[in-house]
């Protein structure tokens, strides 16, 4: 079915409907992992905006039901990670805030340190007023130096300030700021998250212009991963035109 979707033989809405029906009943964890990855990508990249809200609410509800019914922490964590990623309704966002604050809990799934940090980043991406404060509180509580550095590095990439996010992107042109490639890719994905894609569309061309420098200074897989992070939230004709224009003006690009 996934191949059919990519080839255009199945509409994203039909795939989502079939996937949601399977999600309600599928018992096998490996199949669930694959299914959830497909549903998450379909939701963010392929559904038309007019159908996203209804599909998102259905997906949120099914995930919550499966979290509550899961028998192992592993299964609960699997469903929760996707719920956290696709949560866009006000009710779901408020649920995530209450989990981070500790005023509610998921029985059998105590949030670890890294899960709390990732949750705070997701909430900041959604523009919740207290998002930055959440991240600063996580930063304060960190004793591990590398985790502190990661949070400090990534906070500007989820800022509600467009200017601050642009400064973060500009900082990536400095090779010294690309030492931790994983952090760079996380930050770039934050900038180009689907919820921020419209505001980040004009960063596509500068991101492409940095690619040869990325290849020259980074690991062998860094250029491909850079492109994946740069493109992942974009699906507009305007974004596609930007890439085509870049390739047209750089006919000898490797």
C-alpha atoms as a PDB file:
ATOM      1  CA  UNK A   1       0.000   0.000   0.000  1.00  0.00           C
ATOM      2  CA  UNK A   2       2.868   2.378   0.816  1.00  0.00           C
ATOM      3  CA  UNK A   3       4.468   1.752  -2.571  1.00  0.00           C
ATOM      4  CA  UNK A   4       1.060   2.339  -4.131  1.00  0.00           C
ATOM      5  CA  UNK A   5       0.818   5.669  -2.354  1.00  0.00           C
ATOM      6  CA  UNK A   6       4.272   6.760  -3.557  1.00  0.00           C
ATOM      7  CA  UNK A   7       3.454   5.695  -7.114  1.00  0.00           C
ATOM      8  CA  UNK A   8       0.148   7.576  -7.070  1.00  0.00           C
ATOM      9  CA  UNK A   9      -2.149   4.552  -7.262  1.00  0.00           C
ATOM     10  CA  UNK A  10      -3.584   5.293  -3.797  1.00  0.00           C
ATOM     11  CA  UNK A  11      -4.552   8.686  -2.416  1.00  0.00           C
ATOM     12  CA  UNK A  12      -2.983   9.875   0.864  1.00  0.00           C
ATOM     13  CA  UNK A  13      -6.472  10.120   2.403  1.00  0.00           C
ATOM     14  CA  UNK A  14      -7.263   6.497   1.502  1.00  0.00           C
ATOM     15  CA  UNK A  15      -3.903   5.304   2.792  1.00  0.00           C
ATOM     16  CA  UNK A  16      -4.470   7.188   6.057  1.00  0.00           C
ATOM     17  CA  UNK A  17      -7.952   5.701   6.480  1.00  0.00           C
ATOM     18  CA  UNK A  18      -6.670   2.164   5.888  1.00  0.00           C
ATOM     19  CA  UNK A  19      -3.683   2.772   8.172  1.00  0.00           C
ATOM     20  CA  UNK A  20      -5.846   4.078  10.996  1.00  0.00           C
ATOM     21  CA  UNK A  21      -8.095   1.017  10.771  1.00  0.00           C
ATOM     22  CA  UNK A  22      -5.024  -1.228  11.030  1.00  0.00           C
ATOM     23  CA  UNK A  23      -3.550   0.850  13.864  1.00  0.00           C
ATOM     24  CA  UNK A  24      -6.607   0.130  16.006  1.00  0.00           C
ATOM     25  CA  UNK A  25      -6.045  -3.635  15.936  1.00  0.00           C
ATOM     26  CA  UNK A  26      -2.471  -4.521  14.872  1.00  0.00           C
ATOM     27  CA  UNK A  27      -0.741  -6.570  17.639  1.00  0.00           C
ATOM     28  CA  UNK A  28       2.726  -7.084  16.141  1.00  0.00           C
ATOM     29  CA  UNK A  29       5.287  -4.545  17.375  1.00  0.00           C
ATOM     30  CA  UNK A  30       7.479  -4.663  14.252  1.00  0.00           C
ATOM     31  CA  UNK A  31       4.489  -4.100  11.974  1.00  0.00           C
ATOM     32  CA  UNK A  32       3.367  -1.270  14.264  1.00  0.00           C
ATOM     33  CA  UNK A  33       6.754   0.440  14.016  1.00  0.00           C
ATOM     34  CA  UNK A  34       6.573   0.405  10.230  1.00  0.00           C
ATOM     35  CA  UNK A  35       2.910   1.439  10.159  1.00  0.00           C
ATOM     36  CA  UNK A  36       3.464   4.349  12.552  1.00  0.00           C
ATOM     37  CA  UNK A  37       6.389   5.622  10.485  1.00  0.00           C
ATOM     38  CA  UNK A  38       4.192   5.544   7.362  1.00  0.00           C
ATOM     39  CA  UNK A  39       1.276   7.284   9.087  1.00  0.00           C
ATOM     40  CA  UNK A  40       3.519   9.992  10.517  1.00  0.00           C
ATOM     41  CA  UNK A  41       5.051  10.731   7.117  1.00  0.00           C
ATOM     42  CA  UNK A  42       1.682  10.628   5.360  1.00  0.00           C
ATOM     43  CA  UNK A  43       0.249  13.057   7.896  1.00  0.00           C
ATOM     44  CA  UNK A  44       3.024  15.643   7.592  1.00  0.00           C
ATOM     45  CA  UNK A  45       4.014  15.295   3.938  1.00  0.00           C
ATOM     46  CA  UNK A  46       1.177  13.960   1.809  1.00  0.00           C
ATOM     47  CA  UNK A  47      -2.242  14.835   3.216  1.00  0.00           C
ATOM     48  CA  UNK A  48      -3.936  17.899   1.797  1.00  0.00           C
ATOM     49  CA  UNK A  49      -4.389  20.662   4.349  1.00  0.00           C
ATOM     50  CA  UNK A  50      -8.171  20.297   4.224  1.00  0.00           C
ATOM     51  CA  UNK A  51      -8.004  16.695   5.469  1.00  0.00           C
ATOM     52  CA  UNK A  52      -5.139  17.058   7.965  1.00  0.00           C
ATOM     53  CA  UNK A  53      -7.183  18.295  10.908  1.00  0.00           C
ATOM     54  CA  UNK A  54      -9.722  15.462  10.858  1.00  0.00           C
ATOM     55  CA  UNK A  55      -7.078  12.794  10.237  1.00  0.00           C
ATOM     56  CA  UNK A  56      -4.868  14.252  12.957  1.00  0.00           C
ATOM     57  CA  UNK A  57      -7.641  14.164  15.541  1.00  0.00           C
ATOM     58  CA  UNK A  58      -8.467  10.543  14.654  1.00  0.00           C
ATOM     59  CA  UNK A  59      -4.793   9.584  14.838  1.00  0.00           C
ATOM     60  CA  UNK A  60      -4.370  11.336  18.198  1.00  0.00           C
ATOM     61  CA  UNK A  61      -7.411   9.538  19.632  1.00  0.00           C
ATOM     62  CA  UNK A  62      -6.333   6.084  18.438  1.00  0.00           C
ATOM     63  CA  UNK A  63      -2.805   6.599  19.728  1.00  0.00           C
ATOM     64  CA  UNK A  64      -4.093   7.596  23.170  1.00  0.00           C
ATOM     65  CA  UNK A  65      -6.302   4.502  23.270  1.00  0.00           C
ATOM     66  CA  UNK A  66      -3.385   2.279  22.300  1.00  0.00           C
ATOM     67  CA  UNK A  67      -1.082   3.946  24.846  1.00  0.00           C
ATOM     68  CA  UNK A  68      -3.596   3.190  27.590  1.00  0.00           C
ATOM     69  CA  UNK A  69      -4.103  -0.400  26.425  1.00  0.00           C
ATOM     70  CA  UNK A  70      -0.438  -1.264  25.778  1.00  0.00           C
ATOM     71  CA  UNK A  71       0.920  -3.944  28.084  1.00  0.00           C
ATOM     72  CA  UNK A  72       4.633  -3.032  27.955  1.00  0.00           C
ATOM     73  CA  UNK A  73       6.558   0.203  28.427  1.00  0.00           C
ATOM     74  CA  UNK A  74       8.172  -0.326  25.004  1.00  0.00           C
ATOM     75  CA  UNK A  75       4.787  -0.310  23.269  1.00  0.00           C
ATOM     76  CA  UNK A  76       3.579   2.674  25.276  1.00  0.00           C
ATOM     77  CA  UNK A  77       6.736   4.600  24.353  1.00  0.00           C
ATOM     78  CA  UNK A  78       6.306   3.690  20.676  1.00  0.00           C
ATOM     79  CA  UNK A  79       2.770   5.104  20.543  1.00  0.00           C
ATOM     80  CA  UNK A  80       3.677   8.119  22.687  1.00  0.00           C
ATOM     81  CA  UNK A  81       6.595   9.158  20.465  1.00  0.00           C
ATOM     82  CA  UNK A  82       4.285   9.389  17.464  1.00  0.00           C
ATOM     83  CA  UNK A  83       1.560  11.116  19.481  1.00  0.00           C
ATOM     84  CA  UNK A  84       4.119  13.722  20.582  1.00  0.00           C
ATOM     85  CA  UNK A  85       5.285  14.186  17.002  1.00  0.00           C
ATOM     86  CA  UNK A  86       1.864  14.651  15.362  1.00  0.00           C
ATOM     87  CA  UNK A  87       0.032  16.452  18.188  1.00  0.00           C
ATOM     88  CA  UNK A  88      -1.483  19.636  16.778  1.00  0.00           C
ATOM     89  CA  UNK A  89      -4.948  19.936  18.333  1.00  0.00           C
ATOM     90  CA  UNK A  90      -5.265  22.221  21.340  1.00  0.00           C
ATOM     91  CA  UNK A  91      -6.420  19.297  23.470  1.00  0.00           C
ATOM     92  CA  UNK A  92      -3.369  17.206  22.544  1.00  0.00           C
ATOM     93  CA  UNK A  93      -0.965  20.102  23.150  1.00  0.00           C
ATOM     94  CA  UNK A  94      -2.501  20.753  26.565  1.00  0.00           C
ATOM     95  CA  UNK A  95      -2.126  17.046  27.349  1.00  0.00           C
ATOM     96  CA  UNK A  96       1.579  17.230  26.484  1.00  0.00           C
ATOM     97  CA  UNK A  97       2.051  20.352  28.610  1.00  0.00           C
ATOM     98  CA  UNK A  98       0.430  18.642  31.604  1.00  0.00           C
ATOM     99  CA  UNK A  99       2.675  15.596  31.132  1.00  0.00           C
ATOM    100  CA  UNK A 100       5.774  17.781  31.067  1.00  0.00           C
ATOM    101  CA  UNK A 101       4.612  19.715  34.130  1.00  0.00           C
ATOM    102  CA  UNK A 102       3.844  16.475  35.971  1.00  0.00           C
ATOM    103  CA  UNK A 103       0.209  17.382  36.633  1.00  0.00           C
ATOM    104  CA  UNK A 104      -0.849  14.278  34.677  1.00  0.00           C
ATOM    105  CA  UNK A 105       0.845  10.999  33.816  1.00  0.00           C
ATOM    106  CA  UNK A 106       0.661   7.967  31.577  1.00  0.00           C
ATOM    107  CA  UNK A 107       0.397   4.891  33.775  1.00  0.00           C
ATOM    108  CA  UNK A 108       3.354   2.619  33.034  1.00  0.00           C
ATOM    109  CA  UNK A 109       5.318   5.270  31.132  1.00  0.00           C
ATOM    110  CA  UNK A 110       7.354   7.531  33.341  1.00  0.00           C
ATOM    111  CA  UNK A 111       9.123  10.136  31.211  1.00  0.00           C
ATOM    112  CA  UNK A 112      12.902   9.914  31.369  1.00  0.00           C
ATOM    113  CA  UNK A 113      15.264  12.856  31.219  1.00  0.00           C
ATOM    114  CA  UNK A 114      15.760  12.762  27.437  1.00  0.00           C
ATOM    115  CA  UNK A 115      12.025  12.249  26.842  1.00  0.00           C
ATOM    116  CA  UNK A 116      11.254  15.365  28.880  1.00  0.00           C
ATOM    117  CA  UNK A 117      13.817  17.368  26.909  1.00  0.00           C
ATOM    118  CA  UNK A 118      12.443  16.157  23.552  1.00  0.00           C
ATOM    119  CA  UNK A 119       8.905  16.925  24.732  1.00  0.00           C
ATOM    120  CA  UNK A 120       9.933  20.484  25.635  1.00  0.00           C
ATOM    121  CA  UNK A 121      11.417  20.947  22.149  1.00  0.00           C
ATOM    122  CA  UNK A 122       8.210  19.684  20.502  1.00  0.00           C
ATOM    123  CA  UNK A 123       6.126  22.114  22.568  1.00  0.00           C
ATOM    124  CA  UNK A 124       8.439  25.010  21.709  1.00  0.00           C
ATOM    125  CA  UNK A 125       8.050  24.129  18.015  1.00  0.00           C
ATOM    126  CA  UNK A 126       4.298  24.468  18.455  1.00  0.00           C
ATOM    127  CA  UNK A 127       4.748  27.986  19.771  1.00  0.00           C
ATOM    128  CA  UNK A 128       3.384  27.422  23.264  1.00  0.00           C
ATOM    129  CA  UNK A 129       4.066  30.618  25.259  1.00  0.00           C
ATOM    130  CA  UNK A 130       6.030  28.756  27.940  1.00  0.00           C
ATOM    131  CA  UNK A 131       8.094  26.720  25.460  1.00  0.00           C
ATOM    132  CA  UNK A 132      11.353  28.610  25.907  1.00  0.00           C
ATOM    133  CA  UNK A 133      10.955  28.623  29.680  1.00  0.00           C
ATOM    134  CA  UNK A 134      10.492  24.841  29.628  1.00  0.00           C
ATOM    135  CA  UNK A 135      13.762  24.415  27.761  1.00  0.00           C
ATOM    136  CA  UNK A 136      15.598  26.765  30.089  1.00  0.00           C
ATOM    137  CA  UNK A 137      14.302  24.786  33.069  1.00  0.00           C
ATOM    138  CA  UNK A 138      15.526  21.555  31.478  1.00  0.00           C
ATOM    139  CA  UNK A 139      18.877  23.242  30.886  1.00  0.00           C
ATOM    140  CA  UNK A 140      19.085  24.313  34.536  1.00  0.00           C
ATOM    141  CA  UNK A 141      18.455  20.786  35.765  1.00  0.00           C
ATOM    142  CA  UNK A 142      21.112  19.171  33.573  1.00  0.00           C
ATOM    143  CA  UNK A 143      24.306  17.967  35.181  1.00  0.00           C
ATOM    144  CA  UNK A 144      25.584  16.242  32.051  1.00  0.00           C
ATOM    145  CA  UNK A 145      27.732  18.768  30.178  1.00  0.00           C
ATOM    146  CA  UNK A 146      27.101  17.382  26.697  1.00  0.00           C
ATOM    147  CA  UNK A 147      23.327  17.459  27.200  1.00  0.00           C
ATOM    148  CA  UNK A 148      23.600  21.053  28.400  1.00  0.00           C
ATOM    149  CA  UNK A 149      25.539  21.976  25.275  1.00  0.00           C
ATOM    150  CA  UNK A 150      23.002  20.242  23.023  1.00  0.00           C
ATOM    151  CA  UNK A 151      20.061  22.107  24.581  1.00  0.00           C
ATOM    152  CA  UNK A 152      21.903  25.451  24.391  1.00  0.00           C
ATOM    153  CA  UNK A 153      22.813  24.783  20.755  1.00  0.00           C
ATOM    154  CA  UNK A 154      19.257  23.845  19.704  1.00  0.00           C
ATOM    155  CA  UNK A 155      17.152  26.387  21.610  1.00  0.00           C
ATOM    156  CA  UNK A 156      17.480  29.075  18.874  1.00  0.00           C
ATOM    157  CA  UNK A 157      16.276  26.577  16.232  1.00  0.00           C
ATOM    158  CA  UNK A 158      12.840  26.317  17.900  1.00  0.00           C
ATOM    159  CA  UNK A 159      12.548  29.972  18.885  1.00  0.00           C
ATOM    160  CA  UNK A 160       9.260  31.756  18.241  1.00  0.00           C
ATOM    161  CA  UNK A 161      11.408  34.610  16.866  1.00  0.00           C
ATOM    162  CA  UNK A 162      11.987  34.320  13.122  1.00  0.00           C
ATOM    163  CA  UNK A 163      15.047  36.532  13.455  1.00  0.00           C
ATOM    164  CA  UNK A 164      16.601  34.233  16.045  1.00  0.00           C
ATOM    165  CA  UNK A 165      15.954  31.187  13.868  1.00  0.00           C
ATOM    166  CA  UNK A 166      17.616  32.921  10.907  1.00  0.00           C
ATOM    167  CA  UNK A 167      20.660  33.744  13.018  1.00  0.00           C
ATOM    168  CA  UNK A 168      20.867  30.082  14.001  1.00  0.00           C
ATOM    169  CA  UNK A 169      20.865  29.079  10.334  1.00  0.00           C
ATOM    170  CA  UNK A 170      23.516  31.667   9.481  1.00  0.00           C
ATOM    171  CA  UNK A 171      25.705  30.306  12.274  1.00  0.00           C
ATOM    172  CA  UNK A 172      25.815  26.941  10.489  1.00  0.00           C
ATOM    173  CA  UNK A 173      27.935  28.488   7.741  1.00  0.00           C
ATOM    174  CA  UNK A 174      30.806  28.499  10.277  1.00  0.00           C
ATOM    175  CA  UNK A 175      32.565  25.128  10.231  1.00  0.00           C
ATOM    176  CA  UNK A 176      33.205  25.325  13.979  1.00  0.00           C
ATOM    177  CA  UNK A 177      29.438  25.279  14.565  1.00  0.00           C
ATOM    178  CA  UNK A 178      29.080  22.031  12.604  1.00  0.00           C
ATOM    179  CA  UNK A 179      31.320  19.891  14.808  1.00  0.00           C
ATOM    180  CA  UNK A 180      28.378  17.913  16.201  1.00  0.00           C
ATOM    181  CA  UNK A 181      26.662  16.903  12.978  1.00  0.00           C
ATOM    182  CA  UNK A 182      23.735  15.223  14.743  1.00  0.00           C
ATOM    183  CA  UNK A 183      22.906  18.491  16.520  1.00  0.00           C
ATOM    184  CA  UNK A 184      23.204  20.434  13.261  1.00  0.00           C
ATOM    185  CA  UNK A 185      20.756  18.077  11.546  1.00  0.00           C
ATOM    186  CA  UNK A 186      18.314  18.308  14.474  1.00  0.00           C
ATOM    187  CA  UNK A 187      18.467  22.098  14.344  1.00  0.00           C
ATOM    188  CA  UNK A 188      17.973  22.153  10.580  1.00  0.00           C
ATOM    189  CA  UNK A 189      14.945  19.851  10.880  1.00  0.00           C
ATOM    190  CA  UNK A 190      13.511  22.174  13.513  1.00  0.00           C
ATOM    191  CA  UNK A 191      13.915  25.157  11.184  1.00  0.00           C
ATOM    192  CA  UNK A 192      12.214  23.264   8.359  1.00  0.00           C
ATOM    193  CA  UNK A 193       9.555  21.495  10.418  1.00  0.00           C
ATOM    194  CA  UNK A 194       6.213  21.454   8.547  1.00  0.00           C
ATOM    195  CA  UNK A 195       4.823  23.905  11.120  1.00  0.00           C
ATOM    196  CA  UNK A 196       7.633  26.337  10.224  1.00  0.00           C
ATOM    197  CA  UNK A 197       8.112  25.505   6.533  1.00  0.00           C
ATOM    198  CA  UNK A 198       6.399  28.596   5.114  1.00  0.00           C
ATOM    199  CA  UNK A 199       8.598  30.911   7.176  1.00  0.00           C
ATOM    200  CA  UNK A 200      11.731  28.914   6.292  1.00  0.00           C
ATOM    201  CA  UNK A 201      11.173  28.607   2.553  1.00  0.00           C
ATOM    202  CA  UNK A 202      13.684  31.358   1.756  1.00  0.00           C
ATOM    203  CA  UNK A 203      16.379  29.388   3.610  1.00  0.00           C
ATOM    204  CA  UNK A 204      16.224  26.574   1.054  1.00  0.00           C
ATOM    205  CA  UNK A 205      18.512  28.232  -1.490  1.00  0.00           C
ATOM    206  CA  UNK A 206      21.169  29.287   1.052  1.00  0.00           C
ATOM    207  CA  UNK A 207      20.996  25.730   2.414  1.00  0.00           C
ATOM    208  CA  UNK A 208      21.675  24.343  -1.058  1.00  0.00           C
ATOM    209  CA  UNK A 209      24.511  26.805  -1.581  1.00  0.00           C
ATOM    210  CA  UNK A 210      26.199  25.434   1.562  1.00  0.00           C
ATOM    211  CA  UNK A 211      26.070  21.865   0.296  1.00  0.00           C
ATOM    212  CA  UNK A 212      29.523  21.704  -1.305  1.00  0.00           C
ATOM    213  CA  UNK A 213      31.029  23.143   1.869  1.00  0.00           C
ATOM    214  CA  UNK A 214      29.119  20.536   3.870  1.00  0.00           C
ATOM    215  CA  UNK A 215      30.538  17.819   1.630  1.00  0.00           C
ATOM    216  CA  UNK A 216      34.081  19.175   1.905  1.00  0.00           C
ATOM    217  CA  UNK A 217      34.131  19.472   5.695  1.00  0.00           C
ATOM    218  CA  UNK A 218      31.716  16.797   6.945  1.00  0.00           C
ATOM    219  CA  UNK A 219      31.415  13.042   7.158  1.00  0.00           C
ATOM    220  CA  UNK A 220      30.540  10.983   4.097  1.00  0.00           C
ATOM    221  CA  UNK A 221      26.807  10.818   4.924  1.00  0.00           C
ATOM    222  CA  UNK A 222      26.442  14.429   6.047  1.00  0.00           C
ATOM    223  CA  UNK A 223      25.466  15.976   2.660  1.00  0.00           C
ATOM    224  CA  UNK A 224      22.551  13.557   2.109  1.00  0.00           C
ATOM    225  CA  UNK A 225      21.357  13.987   5.687  1.00  0.00           C
ATOM    226  CA  UNK A 226      21.701  17.767   5.337  1.00  0.00           C
ATOM    227  CA  UNK A 227      19.376  17.655   2.316  1.00  0.00           C
ATOM    228  CA  UNK A 228      16.911  15.375   4.105  1.00  0.00           C
ATOM    229  CA  UNK A 229      16.707  17.842   7.007  1.00  0.00           C
ATOM    230  CA  UNK A 230      16.565  20.863   4.694  1.00  0.00           C
ATOM    231  CA  UNK A 231      13.683  19.503   2.612  1.00  0.00           C
ATOM    232  CA  UNK A 232      11.662  17.459   5.070  1.00  0.00           C
ATOM    233  CA  UNK A 233       8.902  19.930   5.942  1.00  0.00           C
ATOM    234  CA  UNK A 234       8.483  21.408   2.439  1.00  0.00           C
ATOM    235  CA  UNK A 235       5.917  20.319  -0.098  1.00  0.00           C
ATOM    236  CA  UNK A 236       4.815  23.538  -1.800  1.00  0.00           C
ATOM    237  CA  UNK A 237       5.193  24.271  -5.532  1.00  0.00           C
ATOM    238  CA  UNK A 238       7.198  27.345  -4.500  1.00  0.00           C
ATOM    239  CA  UNK A 239       9.738  25.203  -2.639  1.00  0.00           C
ATOM    240  CA  UNK A 240      10.040  22.889  -5.640  1.00  0.00           C
ATOM    241  CA  UNK A 241      10.567  25.925  -7.900  1.00  0.00           C
ATOM    242  CA  UNK A 242      13.388  27.119  -5.644  1.00  0.00           C
ATOM    243  CA  UNK A 243      15.221  23.818  -6.059  1.00  0.00           C
ATOM    244  CA  UNK A 244      14.678  23.778  -9.829  1.00  0.00           C
ATOM    245  CA  UNK A 245      15.919  27.344 -10.105  1.00  0.00           C
ATOM    246  CA  UNK A 246      19.036  26.476  -8.127  1.00  0.00           C
ATOM    247  CA  UNK A 247      19.829  23.539 -10.405  1.00  0.00           C
ATOM    248  CA  UNK A 248      19.223  25.643 -13.525  1.00  0.00           C
ATOM    249  CA  UNK A 249      21.674  28.321 -12.445  1.00  0.00           C
ATOM    250  CA  UNK A 250      24.240  25.658 -11.432  1.00  0.00           C
ATOM    251  CA  UNK A 251      24.255  23.394 -14.522  1.00  0.00           C
ATOM    252  CA  UNK A 252      27.614  21.800 -13.635  1.00  0.00           C
ATOM    253  CA  UNK A 253      26.628  21.029 -10.035  1.00  0.00           C
ATOM    254  CA  UNK A 254      27.904  17.550  -9.098  1.00  0.00           C
END
